[in-house]
PDB file of N, CA and C in Angstrom:
ATOM      1  N   MET A   1     -16.813 -45.438  30.813  1.00  0.00           N
ATOM      2  CA  MET A   1     -16.924 -45.587  29.390  1.00  0.00           C
ATOM      3  C   MET A   1     -15.707 -45.640  28.700  1.00  0.00           C
ATOM      4  N   VAL A   2     -15.189 -44.186  29.024  1.00  0.00           N
ATOM      5  CA  VAL A   2     -13.752 -43.815  28.049  1.00  0.00           C
ATOM      6  C   VAL A   2     -12.789 -44.865  28.435  1.00  0.00           C
ATOM      7  N   ASN A   3     -12.607 -45.135  29.875  1.00  0.00           N
ATOM      8  CA  ASN A   3     -11.550 -46.066  30.168  1.00  0.00           C
ATOM      9  C   ASN A   3     -11.800 -47.373  29.460  1.00  0.00           C
ATOM     10  N   ARG A   4     -13.125 -47.845  29.418  1.00  0.00           N
ATOM     11  CA  ARG A   4     -13.320 -49.140  28.920  1.00  0.00           C
ATOM     12  C   ARG A   4     -12.871 -49.323  27.484  1.00  0.00           C
ATOM     13  N   LYS A   5     -13.370 -48.007  26.800  1.00  0.00           N
ATOM     14  CA  LYS A   5     -12.943 -47.870  25.184  1.00  0.00           C
ATOM     15  C   LYS A   5     -11.504 -47.902  25.245  1.00  0.00           C
ATOM     16  N   ARG A   6     -10.702 -47.201  25.888  1.00  0.00           N
ATOM     17  CA  ARG A   6      -9.302 -47.125  25.679  1.00  0.00           C
ATOM     18  C   ARG A   6      -8.703 -48.614  26.077  1.00  0.00           C
ATOM     19  N   ALA A   7      -9.430 -49.201  27.124  1.00  0.00           N
ATOM     20  CA  ALA A   7      -8.705 -50.635  27.433  1.00  0.00           C
ATOM     21  C   ALA A   7      -8.757 -51.308  26.243  1.00  0.00           C
ATOM     22  N   LEU A   8     -10.101 -51.338  25.553  1.00  0.00           N
ATOM     23  CA  LEU A   8     -10.161 -52.458  24.476  1.00  0.00           C
ATOM     24  C   LEU A   8      -9.417 -52.151  23.315  1.00  0.00           C
ATOM     25  N   PHE A   9      -9.181 -50.641  22.979  1.00  0.00           N
ATOM     26  CA  PHE A   9      -8.200 -50.155  22.014  1.00  0.00           C
ATOM     27  C   PHE A   9      -6.804 -50.840  22.386  1.00  0.00           C
ATOM     28  N   LEU A  10      -6.299 -50.495  23.363  1.00  0.00           N
ATOM     29  CA  LEU A  10      -4.799 -51.189  24.026  1.00  0.00           C
ATOM     30  C   LEU A  10      -4.811 -52.598  23.713  1.00  0.00           C
ATOM     31  N   LYS A  11      -5.930 -53.338  24.168  1.00  0.00           N
ATOM     32  CA  LYS A  11      -6.025 -54.710  24.042  1.00  0.00           C
ATOM     33  C   LYS A  11      -5.771 -55.284  22.633  1.00  0.00           C
ATOM     34  N   ARG A  12      -6.328 -54.441  21.604  1.00  0.00           N
ATOM     35  CA  ARG A  12      -6.278 -54.827  20.118  1.00  0.00           C
ATOM     36  C   ARG A  12      -5.086 -54.587  19.624  1.00  0.00           C
ATOM     37  N   LYS A  13      -4.551 -53.419  19.951  1.00  0.00           N
ATOM     38  CA  LYS A  13      -3.201 -52.942  19.691  1.00  0.00           C
ATOM     39  C   LYS A  13      -2.258 -53.968  19.981  1.00  0.00           C
ATOM     40  N   MET A  14      -2.113 -54.466  21.384  1.00  0.00           N
ATOM     41  CA  MET A  14      -1.054 -55.444  21.694  1.00  0.00           C
ATOM     42  C   MET A  14      -1.355 -56.792  21.071  1.00  0.00           C
ATOM     43  N   ARG A  15      -2.450 -57.123  20.692  1.00  0.00           N
ATOM     44  CA  ARG A  15      -2.814 -58.367  20.096  1.00  0.00           C
ATOM     45  C   ARG A  15      -2.235 -58.253  18.495  1.00  0.00           C
ATOM     46  N   VAL A  16      -2.364 -57.161  17.998  1.00  0.00           N
ATOM     47  CA  VAL A  16      -1.672 -57.184  16.742  1.00  0.00           C
ATOM     48  C   VAL A  16      -0.359 -57.045  16.808  1.00  0.00           C
ATOM     49  N   ARG A  17       0.158 -56.249  17.561  1.00  0.00           N
ATOM     50  CA  ARG A  17       1.746 -56.271  17.754  1.00  0.00           C
ATOM     51  C   ARG A  17       2.288 -57.315  17.929  1.00  0.00           C
ATOM     52  N   ASN A  18       1.656 -58.023  18.936  1.00  0.00           N
ATOM     53  CA  ASN A  18       2.166 -59.448  19.398  1.00  0.00           C
ATOM     54  C   ASN A  18       2.289 -60.587  18.087  1.00  0.00           C
ATOM     55  N   ARG A  19       1.285 -60.526  17.329  1.00  0.00           N
ATOM     56  CA  ARG A  19       1.042 -61.211  16.175  1.00  0.00           C
ATOM     57  C   ARG A  19       2.261 -60.918  15.158  1.00  0.00           C
ATOM     58  N   LEU A  20       2.550 -59.756  14.918  1.00  0.00           N
ATOM     59  CA  LEU A  20       3.442 -59.346  14.067  1.00  0.00           C
ATOM     60  C   LEU A  20       4.818 -59.601  14.370  1.00  0.00           C
ATOM     61  N   ARG A  21       5.158 -59.553  15.819  1.00  0.00           N
ATOM     62  CA  ARG A  21       6.368 -59.869  16.349  1.00  0.00           C
ATOM     63  C   ARG A  21       6.682 -61.454  16.097  1.00  0.00           C
ATOM     64  N   LYS A  22       5.627 -62.247  16.045  1.00  0.00           N
ATOM     65  CA  LYS A  22       5.807 -63.857  15.859  1.00  0.00           C
ATOM     66  C   LYS A  22       6.214 -63.937  14.541  1.00  0.00           C
ATOM     67  N   VAL A  23       5.722 -63.226  13.521  1.00  0.00           N
ATOM     68  CA  VAL A  23       5.790 -63.533  12.177  1.00  0.00           C
ATOM     69  C   VAL A  23       6.836 -62.668  11.495  1.00  0.00           C
ATOM     70  N   ASN A  24       7.601 -61.747  12.178  1.00  0.00           N
ATOM     71  CA  ASN A  24       8.257 -60.483  11.594  1.00  0.00           C
ATOM     72  C   ASN A  24       9.775 -61.543  11.167  1.00  0.00           C
ATOM     73  N   SER A  25       9.864 -61.363   9.683  1.00  0.00           N
ATOM     74  CA  SER A  25      10.850 -61.893   9.313  1.00  0.00           C
ATOM     75  C   SER A  25      11.762 -61.105   8.496  1.00  0.00           C
ATOM     76  N   GLY A  26      12.267 -60.007   9.117  1.00  0.00           N
ATOM     77  CA  GLY A  26      12.954 -58.857   8.457  1.00  0.00           C
ATOM     78  C   GLY A  26      12.000 -58.006   7.592  1.00  0.00           C
ATOM     79  N   ARG A  27      10.709 -58.295   7.349  1.00  0.00           N
ATOM     80  CA  ARG A  27       9.993 -57.323   6.546  1.00  0.00           C
ATOM     81  C   ARG A  27       9.576 -56.293   7.442  1.00  0.00           C
ATOM     82  N   MET A  28       9.368 -54.840   6.605  1.00  0.00           N
ATOM     83  CA  MET A  28       9.129 -53.808   7.374  1.00  0.00           C
ATOM     84  C   MET A  28       7.584 -53.672   7.773  1.00  0.00           C
ATOM     85  N   ARG A  29       7.203 -52.610   8.478  1.00  0.00           N
ATOM     86  CA  ARG A  29       5.920 -52.714   9.171  1.00  0.00           C
ATOM     87  C   ARG A  29       5.344 -51.290   8.773  1.00  0.00           C
ATOM     88  N   LEU A  30       4.068 -51.432   8.047  1.00  0.00           N
ATOM     89  CA  LEU A  30       3.338 -50.157   7.735  1.00  0.00           C
ATOM     90  C   LEU A  30       2.511 -49.972   8.830  1.00  0.00           C
ATOM     91  N   SER A  31       2.698 -48.985   9.720  1.00  0.00           N
ATOM     92  CA  SER A  31       1.858 -48.825  10.728  1.00  0.00           C
ATOM     93  C   SER A  31       0.981 -47.296  10.354  1.00  0.00           C
ATOM     94  N   VAL A  32      -0.333 -47.628  11.013  1.00  0.00           N
ATOM     95  CA  VAL A  32      -1.342 -46.387  10.654  1.00  0.00           C
ATOM     96  C   VAL A  32      -1.810 -45.931  11.918  1.00  0.00           C
ATOM     97  N   HIS A  33      -1.975 -44.580  11.924  1.00  0.00           N
ATOM     98  CA  HIS A  33      -2.486 -44.001  13.185  1.00  0.00           C
ATOM     99  C   HIS A  33      -3.654 -43.059  12.611  1.00  0.00           C
ATOM    100  N   ARG A  34      -4.696 -43.332  13.331  1.00  0.00           N
ATOM    101  CA  ARG A  34      -6.065 -42.055  12.638  1.00  0.00           C
ATOM    102  C   ARG A  34      -6.304 -41.506  14.102  1.00  0.00           C
ATOM    103  N   SER A  35      -6.537 -40.105  13.905  1.00  0.00           N
ATOM    104  CA  SER A  35      -7.405 -39.270  14.817  1.00  0.00           C
ATOM    105  C   SER A  35      -8.641 -38.930  14.088  1.00  0.00           C
ATOM    106  N   ASN A  36      -9.178 -37.712  15.130  1.00  0.00           N
ATOM    107  CA  ASN A  36     -10.325 -37.517  14.631  1.00  0.00           C
ATOM    108  C   ASN A  36     -10.266 -36.500  13.407  1.00  0.00           C
ATOM    109  N   LYS A  37      -9.057 -35.797  13.486  1.00  0.00           N
ATOM    110  CA  LYS A  37      -8.711 -34.831  12.337  1.00  0.00           C
ATOM    111  C   LYS A  37      -7.777 -34.849  11.316  1.00  0.00           C
ATOM    112  N   ASN A  38      -6.737 -36.020  11.706  1.00  0.00           N
ATOM    113  CA  ASN A  38      -5.842 -36.486  10.640  1.00  0.00           C
ATOM    114  C   ASN A  38      -5.699 -37.921  10.543  1.00  0.00           C
ATOM    115  N   ILE A  39      -4.919 -38.228   9.631  1.00  0.00           N
ATOM    116  CA  ILE A  39      -4.486 -39.688   9.339  1.00  0.00           C
ATOM    117  C   ILE A  39      -3.198 -39.965   8.966  1.00  0.00           C
ATOM    118  N   SER A  40      -2.183 -40.669   9.585  1.00  0.00           N
ATOM    119  CA  SER A  40      -0.947 -40.844   8.936  1.00  0.00           C
ATOM    120  C   SER A  40      -0.415 -42.358   9.060  1.00  0.00           C
ATOM    121  N   ALA A  41       0.509 -42.397   8.098  1.00  0.00           N
ATOM    122  CA  ALA A  41       0.986 -43.857   8.090  1.00  0.00           C
ATOM    123  C   ALA A  41       2.530 -43.846   7.580  1.00  0.00           C
ATOM    124  N   GLN A  42       3.381 -44.877   8.352  1.00  0.00           N
ATOM    125  CA  GLN A  42       4.618 -44.718   8.150  1.00  0.00           C
ATOM    126  C   GLN A  42       5.127 -46.285   7.904  1.00  0.00           C
ATOM    127  N   ILE A  43       6.238 -46.426   7.233  1.00  0.00           N
ATOM    128  CA  ILE A  43       6.773 -47.771   6.975  1.00  0.00           C
ATOM    129  C   ILE A  43       8.172 -47.738   7.707  1.00  0.00           C
ATOM    130  N   ILE A  44       8.164 -48.751   8.894  1.00  0.00           N
ATOM    131  CA  ILE A  44       9.243 -48.748   9.829  1.00  0.00           C
ATOM    132  C   ILE A  44       9.942 -49.951   9.901  1.00  0.00           C
ATOM    133  N   ASP A  45      11.337 -49.906   9.810  1.00  0.00           N
ATOM    134  CA  ASP A  45      12.420 -50.923   9.934  1.00  0.00           C
ATOM    135  C   ASP A  45      12.436 -51.377  11.297  1.00  0.00           C
ATOM    136  N   ASP A  46      11.773 -52.390  12.046  1.00  0.00           N
ATOM    137  CA  ASP A  46      12.023 -52.691  13.626  1.00  0.00           C
ATOM    138  C   ASP A  46      13.402 -52.943  14.014  1.00  0.00           C
ATOM    139  N   GLN A  47      14.063 -53.621  13.007  1.00  0.00           N
ATOM    140  CA  GLN A  47      15.463 -54.056  13.430  1.00  0.00           C
ATOM    141  C   GLN A  47      16.219 -53.041  13.540  1.00  0.00           C
ATOM    142  N   ARG A  48      16.173 -51.818  12.686  1.00  0.00           N
ATOM    143  CA  ARG A  48      17.182 -51.081  12.847  1.00  0.00           C
ATOM    144  C   ARG A  48      16.604 -49.795  13.445  1.00  0.00           C
ATOM    145  N   GLY A  49      15.134 -49.885  13.812  1.00  0.00           N
ATOM    146  CA  GLY A  49      14.409 -48.646  14.563  1.00  0.00           C
ATOM    147  C   GLY A  49      14.356 -47.474  13.748  1.00  0.00           C
ATOM    148  N   ILE A  50      14.069 -47.412  12.314  1.00  0.00           N
ATOM    149  CA  ILE A  50      13.971 -45.961  11.723  1.00  0.00           C
ATOM    150  C   ILE A  50      12.786 -46.417  10.950  1.00  0.00           C
ATOM    151  N   THR A  51      12.305 -44.830  10.601  1.00  0.00           N
ATOM    152  CA  THR A  51      11.174 -44.999   9.639  1.00  0.00           C
ATOM    153  C   THR A  51      11.686 -44.685   8.185  1.00  0.00           C
ATOM    154  N   LEU A  52      11.212 -45.388   7.470  1.00  0.00           N
ATOM    155  CA  LEU A  52      11.811 -45.406   5.949  1.00  0.00           C
ATOM    156  C   LEU A  52      10.924 -44.431   5.011  1.00  0.00           C
ATOM    157  N   ALA A  53       9.789 -44.268   5.347  1.00  0.00           N
ATOM    158  CA  ALA A  53       8.797 -43.597   4.349  1.00  0.00           C
ATOM    159  C   ALA A  53       7.610 -43.152   5.273  1.00  0.00           C
ATOM    160  N   SER A  54       6.997 -42.074   4.918  1.00  0.00           N
ATOM    161  CA  SER A  54       5.939 -41.778   5.729  1.00  0.00           C
ATOM    162  C   SER A  54       4.926 -40.785   4.826  1.00  0.00           C
ATOM    163  N   ALA A  55       3.777 -40.803   5.144  1.00  0.00           N
ATOM    164  CA  ALA A  55       2.759 -39.710   4.622  1.00  0.00           C
ATOM    165  C   ALA A  55       1.608 -39.476   5.761  1.00  0.00           C
ATOM    166  N   SER A  56       1.318 -38.152   5.810  1.00  0.00           N
ATOM    167  CA  SER A  56       0.319 -37.588   6.705  1.00  0.00           C
ATOM    168  C   SER A  56      -0.464 -36.584   6.093  1.00  0.00           C
ATOM    169  N   THR A  57      -1.699 -36.462   6.741  1.00  0.00           N
ATOM    170  CA  THR A  57      -2.365 -35.182   6.145  1.00  0.00           C
ATOM    171  C   THR A  57      -1.947 -33.860   7.108  1.00  0.00           C
ATOM    172  N   LEU A  58      -0.960 -34.045   7.709  1.00  0.00           N
ATOM    173  CA  LEU A  58      -0.180 -32.708   8.523  1.00  0.00           C
ATOM    174  C   LEU A  58       0.793 -32.301   7.561  1.00  0.00           C
ATOM    175  N   GLU A  59       1.355 -32.960   6.392  1.00  0.00           N
ATOM    176  CA  GLU A  59       2.300 -32.374   5.663  1.00  0.00           C
ATOM    177  C   GLU A  59       1.564 -31.236   4.445  1.00  0.00           C
ATOM    178  N   LYS A  60       2.244 -30.024   4.758  1.00  0.00           N
ATOM    179  CA  LYS A  60       1.758 -29.000   3.818  1.00  0.00           C
ATOM    180  C   LYS A  60       1.769 -29.193   2.309  1.00  0.00           C
ATOM    181  N   ASP A  61       2.808 -30.209   1.861  1.00  0.00           N
ATOM    182  CA  ASP A  61       2.972 -30.317   0.186  1.00  0.00           C
ATOM    183  C   ASP A  61       1.686 -31.123  -0.209  1.00  0.00           C
ATOM    184  N   LEU A  62       1.288 -32.162   0.670  1.00  0.00           N
ATOM    185  CA  LEU A  62       0.114 -32.822   0.168  1.00  0.00           C
ATOM    186  C   LEU A  62      -1.275 -31.971   0.345  1.00  0.00           C
ATOM    187  N   GLY A  63      -1.355 -30.973   0.679  1.00  0.00           N
ATOM    188  CA  GLY A  63      -2.558 -30.082   0.828  1.00  0.00           C
ATOM    189  C   GLY A  63      -3.759 -30.671   1.498  1.00  0.00           C
ATOM    190  N   MET A  64      -3.922 -31.628   2.427  1.00  0.00           N
ATOM    191  CA  MET A  64      -4.765 -32.071   3.144  1.00  0.00           C
ATOM    192  C   MET A  64      -4.867 -31.872   4.617  1.00  0.00           C
ATOM    193  N   LEU A  65      -4.273 -30.782   5.167  1.00  0.00           N
ATOM    194  CA  LEU A  65      -4.181 -30.491   6.400  1.00  0.00           C
ATOM    195  C   LEU A  65      -5.730 -30.504   6.944  1.00  0.00           C
ATOM    196  N   GLY A  66      -5.857 -31.135   8.175  1.00  0.00           N
ATOM    197  CA  GLY A  66      -6.968 -31.288   8.982  1.00  0.00           C
ATOM    198  C   GLY A  66      -8.181 -32.044   8.439  1.00  0.00           C
ATOM    199  N   LYS A  67      -7.853 -32.591   7.117  1.00  0.00           N
ATOM    200  CA  LYS A  67      -9.114 -33.485   6.617  1.00  0.00           C
ATOM    201  C   LYS A  67      -8.658 -34.797   7.106  1.00  0.00           C
ATOM    202  N   ASN A  68      -9.964 -35.499   7.120  1.00  0.00           N
ATOM    203  CA  ASN A  68      -9.761 -36.987   7.687  1.00  0.00           C
ATOM    204  C   ASN A  68     -11.114 -37.748   7.158  1.00  0.00           C
ATOM    205  N   ASN A  69     -11.170 -38.027   5.812  1.00  0.00           N
ATOM    206  CA  ASN A  69     -12.170 -38.941   5.238  1.00  0.00           C
ATOM    207  C   ASN A  69     -11.556 -40.042   4.442  1.00  0.00           C
ATOM    208  N   ILE A  70     -12.308 -40.915   3.947  1.00  0.00           N
ATOM    209  CA  ILE A  70     -11.951 -42.028   3.070  1.00  0.00           C
ATOM    210  C   ILE A  70     -11.126 -41.491   1.826  1.00  0.00           C
ATOM    211  N   GLU A  71     -11.727 -40.666   1.240  1.00  0.00           N
ATOM    212  CA  GLU A  71     -10.800 -40.081  -0.064  1.00  0.00           C
ATOM    213  C   GLU A  71      -9.485 -39.812   0.524  1.00  0.00           C
ATOM    214  N   VAL A  72      -9.294 -39.059   1.398  1.00  0.00           N
ATOM    215  CA  VAL A  72      -8.057 -38.455   1.881  1.00  0.00           C
ATOM    216  C   VAL A  72      -7.033 -39.657   2.385  1.00  0.00           C
ATOM    217  N   ALA A  73      -7.818 -40.595   2.984  1.00  0.00           N
ATOM    218  CA  ALA A  73      -7.079 -41.789   3.316  1.00  0.00           C
ATOM    219  C   ALA A  73      -6.602 -42.585   2.174  1.00  0.00           C
ATOM    220  N   LYS A  74      -7.238 -42.751   1.168  1.00  0.00           N
ATOM    221  CA  LYS A  74      -6.850 -43.304  -0.211  1.00  0.00           C
ATOM    222  C   LYS A  74      -5.563 -42.524  -0.839  1.00  0.00           C
ATOM    223  N   ASN A  75      -5.611 -41.153  -0.501  1.00  0.00           N
ATOM    224  CA  ASN A  75      -4.481 -40.309  -1.026  1.00  0.00           C
ATOM    225  C   ASN A  75      -3.146 -40.664  -0.468  1.00  0.00           C
ATOM    226  N   ILE A  76      -3.468 -40.645   1.015  1.00  0.00           N
ATOM    227  CA  ILE A  76      -2.192 -40.977   1.750  1.00  0.00           C
ATOM    228  C   ILE A  76      -1.665 -42.029   1.640  1.00  0.00           C
ATOM    229  N   GLY A  77      -2.513 -43.293   1.409  1.00  0.00           N
ATOM    230  CA  GLY A  77      -1.917 -44.618   1.018  1.00  0.00           C
ATOM    231  C   GLY A  77      -1.221 -44.665  -0.478  1.00  0.00           C
ATOM    232  N   ALA A  78      -1.687 -43.754  -1.318  1.00  0.00           N
ATOM    233  CA  ALA A  78      -1.112 -43.775  -2.600  1.00  0.00           C
ATOM    234  C   ALA A  78       0.015 -42.899  -2.378  1.00  0.00           C
ATOM    235  N   ALA A  79       0.380 -42.064  -1.584  1.00  0.00           N
ATOM    236  CA  ALA A  79       1.344 -41.127  -1.360  1.00  0.00           C
ATOM    237  C   ALA A  79       2.506 -42.243  -0.560  1.00  0.00           C
ATOM    238  N   LEU A  80       2.107 -42.872   0.291  1.00  0.00           N
ATOM    239  CA  LEU A  80       3.093 -43.744   0.965  1.00  0.00           C
ATOM    240  C   LEU A  80       3.579 -44.816  -0.044  1.00  0.00           C
ATOM    241  N   ALA A  81       2.636 -45.230  -0.709  1.00  0.00           N
ATOM    242  CA  ALA A  81       3.205 -46.249  -1.675  1.00  0.00           C
ATOM    243  C   ALA A  81       4.288 -45.877  -2.632  1.00  0.00           C
ATOM    244  N   LYS A  82       4.154 -44.627  -3.351  1.00  0.00           N
ATOM    245  CA  LYS A  82       4.918 -43.745  -4.129  1.00  0.00           C
ATOM    246  C   LYS A  82       6.272 -43.585  -3.336  1.00  0.00           C
ATOM    247  N   ARG A  83       6.307 -43.066  -2.124  1.00  0.00           N
ATOM    248  CA  ARG A  83       7.510 -43.039  -1.415  1.00  0.00           C
ATOM    249  C   ARG A  83       8.285 -44.213  -0.738  1.00  0.00           C
ATOM    250  N   ALA A  84       7.618 -45.190  -0.739  1.00  0.00           N
ATOM    251  CA  ALA A  84       8.223 -46.669  -0.260  1.00  0.00           C
ATOM    252  C   ALA A  84       8.836 -47.177  -1.573  1.00  0.00           C
ATOM    253  N   LYS A  85       8.112 -47.167  -2.612  1.00  0.00           N
ATOM    254  CA  LYS A  85       9.224 -47.622  -3.752  1.00  0.00           C
ATOM    255  C   LYS A  85      10.174 -46.742  -4.232  1.00  0.00           C
ATOM    256  N   LYS A  86      10.173 -45.576  -4.043  1.00  0.00           N
ATOM    257  CA  LYS A  86      11.215 -44.828  -4.215  1.00  0.00           C
ATOM    258  C   LYS A  86      12.401 -45.197  -3.350  1.00  0.00           C
ATOM    259  N   ALA A  87      11.968 -45.675  -2.040  1.00  0.00           N
ATOM    260  CA  ALA A  87      13.021 -45.992  -0.957  1.00  0.00           C
ATOM    261  C   ALA A  87      13.301 -47.681  -1.116  1.00  0.00           C
ATOM    262  N   GLY A  88      12.827 -48.217  -2.307  1.00  0.00           N
ATOM    263  CA  GLY A  88      13.188 -49.503  -2.453  1.00  0.00           C
ATOM    264  C   GLY A  88      12.287 -50.650  -1.529  1.00  0.00           C
ATOM    265  N   ILE A  89      11.092 -50.217  -1.067  1.00  0.00           N
ATOM    266  CA  ILE A  89      10.417 -51.244  -0.156  1.00  0.00           C
ATOM    267  C   ILE A  89       9.319 -51.573  -0.991  1.00  0.00           C
ATOM    268  N   GLU A  90       9.196 -52.972  -1.005  1.00  0.00           N
ATOM    269  CA  GLU A  90       8.005 -53.886  -2.079  1.00  0.00           C
ATOM    270  C   GLU A  90       6.896 -54.503  -1.179  1.00  0.00           C
ATOM    271  N   GLU A  91       7.394 -54.755   0.078  1.00  0.00           N
ATOM    272  CA  GLU A  91       6.479 -55.539   1.016  1.00  0.00           C
ATOM    273  C   GLU A  91       6.554 -55.187   2.598  1.00  0.00           C
ATOM    274  N   ALA A  92       5.518 -55.180   3.140  1.00  0.00           N
ATOM    275  CA  ALA A  92       5.450 -54.918   4.486  1.00  0.00           C
ATOM    276  C   ALA A  92       4.176 -55.497   5.345  1.00  0.00           C
ATOM    277  N   TYR A  93       4.302 -55.486   6.511  1.00  0.00           N
ATOM    278  CA  TYR A  93       3.384 -56.118   7.246  1.00  0.00           C
ATOM    279  C   TYR A  93       2.142 -54.954   7.815  1.00  0.00           C
ATOM    280  N   PHE A  94       1.130 -54.979   7.681  1.00  0.00           N
ATOM    281  CA  PHE A  94       0.095 -54.166   7.852  1.00  0.00           C
ATOM    282  C   PHE A  94      -0.155 -53.996   9.535  1.00  0.00           C
ATOM    283  N   ASP A  95       0.107 -52.945  10.053  1.00  0.00           N
ATOM    284  CA  ASP A  95      -0.079 -52.705  11.350  1.00  0.00           C
ATOM    285  C   ASP A  95      -1.062 -51.739  11.793  1.00  0.00           C
ATOM    286  N   ARG A  96      -2.484 -52.274  11.990  1.00  0.00           N
ATOM    287  CA  ARG A  96      -3.455 -51.199  12.071  1.00  0.00           C
ATOM    288  C   ARG A  96      -3.334 -50.941  13.542  1.00  0.00           C
ATOM    289  N   GLY A  97      -2.640 -51.272  14.328  1.00  0.00           N
ATOM    290  CA  GLY A  97      -2.675 -50.764  15.793  1.00  0.00           C
ATOM    291  C   GLY A  97      -3.948 -51.303  16.542  1.00  0.00           C
ATOM    292  N   GLY A  98      -4.607 -50.526  17.203  1.00  0.00           N
ATOM    293  CA  GLY A  98      -5.966 -51.034  17.763  1.00  0.00           C
ATOM    294  C   GLY A  98      -7.010 -50.396  16.761  1.00  0.00           C
ATOM    295  N   PHE A  99      -7.014 -49.928  15.750  1.00  0.00           N
ATOM    296  CA  PHE A  99      -7.852 -49.568  14.920  1.00  0.00           C
ATOM    297  C   PHE A  99      -8.523 -50.642  14.175  1.00  0.00           C
ATOM    298  N   LEU A 100      -9.896 -50.734  13.841  1.00  0.00           N
ATOM    299  CA  LEU A 100     -10.696 -51.553  13.284  1.00  0.00           C
ATOM    300  C   LEU A 100     -10.238 -51.671  11.759  1.00  0.00           C
ATOM    301  N   PHE A 101     -10.279 -52.580  11.305  1.00  0.00           N
ATOM    302  CA  PHE A 101      -9.874 -52.704   9.525  1.00  0.00           C
ATOM    303  C   PHE A 101     -10.924 -52.513   8.760  1.00  0.00           C
ATOM    304  N   HIS A 102     -11.686 -51.236   8.788  1.00  0.00           N
ATOM    305  CA  HIS A 102     -12.862 -50.730   7.896  1.00  0.00           C
ATOM    306  C   HIS A 102     -12.578 -49.385   7.629  1.00  0.00           C
ATOM    307  N   GLY A 103     -13.364 -48.689   6.904  1.00  0.00           N
ATOM    308  CA  GLY A 103     -13.479 -47.502   6.727  1.00  0.00           C
ATOM    309  C   GLY A 103     -12.139 -46.925   6.143  1.00  0.00           C
ATOM    310  N   LYS A 104     -11.528 -45.986   7.085  1.00  0.00           N
ATOM    311  CA  LYS A 104     -10.242 -44.964   6.413  1.00  0.00           C
ATOM    312  C   LYS A 104      -9.112 -45.955   6.527  1.00  0.00           C
ATOM    313  N   VAL A 105      -9.024 -46.864   7.465  1.00  0.00           N
ATOM    314  CA  VAL A 105      -7.910 -47.612   7.481  1.00  0.00           C
ATOM    315  C   VAL A 105      -7.776 -48.634   6.382  1.00  0.00           C
ATOM    316  N   LYS A 106      -8.930 -49.366   6.086  1.00  0.00           N
ATOM    317  CA  LYS A 106      -8.805 -50.258   5.071  1.00  0.00           C
ATOM    318  C   LYS A 106      -8.600 -49.309   3.721  1.00  0.00           C
ATOM    319  N   ALA A 107      -9.234 -48.216   3.493  1.00  0.00           N
ATOM    320  CA  ALA A 107      -9.141 -47.371   2.225  1.00  0.00           C
ATOM    321  C   ALA A 107      -7.425 -47.166   2.075  1.00  0.00           C
ATOM    322  N   LEU A 108      -6.817 -46.819   3.186  1.00  0.00           N
ATOM    323  CA  LEU A 108      -5.238 -46.677   3.509  1.00  0.00           C
ATOM    324  C   LEU A 108      -4.758 -47.790   2.688  1.00  0.00           C
ATOM    325  N   ALA A 109      -5.065 -48.982   3.325  1.00  0.00           N
ATOM    326  CA  ALA A 109      -4.386 -50.380   2.913  1.00  0.00           C
ATOM    327  C   ALA A 109      -4.546 -50.504   1.455  1.00  0.00           C
ATOM    328  N   ASP A 110      -5.880 -50.456   1.135  1.00  0.00           N
ATOM    329  CA  ASP A 110      -5.937 -50.941  -0.325  1.00  0.00           C
ATOM    330  C   ASP A 110      -5.385 -49.933  -1.277  1.00  0.00           C
ATOM    331  N   ALA A 111      -5.177 -48.759  -0.805  1.00  0.00           N
ATOM    332  CA  ALA A 111      -4.523 -47.799  -1.768  1.00  0.00           C
ATOM    333  C   ALA A 111      -2.998 -47.921  -1.981  1.00  0.00           C
ATOM    334  N   ALA A 112      -2.404 -48.367  -0.595  1.00  0.00           N
ATOM    335  CA  ALA A 112      -0.940 -48.698  -0.587  1.00  0.00           C
ATOM    336  C   ALA A 112      -0.980 -50.093  -1.573  1.00  0.00           C
ATOM    337  N   ARG A 113      -1.775 -51.010  -1.439  1.00  0.00           N
ATOM    338  CA  ARG A 113      -1.787 -52.197  -2.288  1.00  0.00           C
ATOM    339  C   ARG A 113      -1.618 -51.838  -3.647  1.00  0.00           C
ATOM    340  N   GLU A 114      -2.642 -50.954  -4.055  1.00  0.00           N
ATOM    341  CA  GLU A 114      -2.707 -50.565  -5.611  1.00  0.00           C
ATOM    342  C   GLU A 114      -1.258 -49.818  -5.995  1.00  0.00           C
ATOM    343  N   GLY A 115      -0.864 -49.351  -5.009  1.00  0.00           N
ATOM    344  CA  GLY A 115       0.524 -48.561  -5.472  1.00  0.00           C
ATOM    345  C   GLY A 115       1.652 -49.327  -5.587  1.00  0.00           C
ATOM    346  N   GLY A 116       1.604 -50.554  -5.158  1.00  0.00           N
ATOM    347  CA  GLY A 116       2.537 -51.582  -5.336  1.00  0.00           C
ATOM    348  C   GLY A 116       3.298 -52.268  -4.089  1.00  0.00           C
ATOM    349  N   ILE A 117       2.558 -51.891  -2.985  1.00  0.00           N
ATOM    350  CA  ILE A 117       3.160 -52.369  -1.676  1.00  0.00           C
ATOM    351  C   ILE A 117       2.487 -53.838  -1.365  1.00  0.00           C
ATOM    352  N   ARG A 118       3.093 -54.876  -1.328  1.00  0.00           N
ATOM    353  CA  ARG A 118       2.463 -56.416  -0.735  1.00  0.00           C
ATOM    354  C   ARG A 118       2.463 -56.045   0.608  1.00  0.00           C
ATOM    355  N   ILE A 119       1.030 -56.321   0.992  1.00  0.00           N
ATOM    356  CA  ILE A 119       0.691 -56.470   2.570  1.00  0.00           C
ATOM    357  C   ILE A 119       0.385 -57.724   2.555  1.00  0.00           C
TER     358      ILE A 119
END
């Protein structure tokens, strides 16, 4: 059961990444990772291979260590959008990885959009 679920996750992840590679025209990539205890997001420049902005529940200054719900995902999305604006990033492709686009992942994306990032 676990191997089947992991295989489906990896299949979704590769499908999303391959789609992003085809349309990537110099835009940054907003990548999301969600675990049972934490959620994190980062904006990556794939051409240079560097992370330009990031936000995570693991950061002490955000005060959300070990929390993982929809409200926290909204806060992470807003914090990421604020940091991205500071770095001069206005648009990015949304890379949800193998995660389904609902719940926490959707809340993070919506908060980033409200913060001014065009996804």
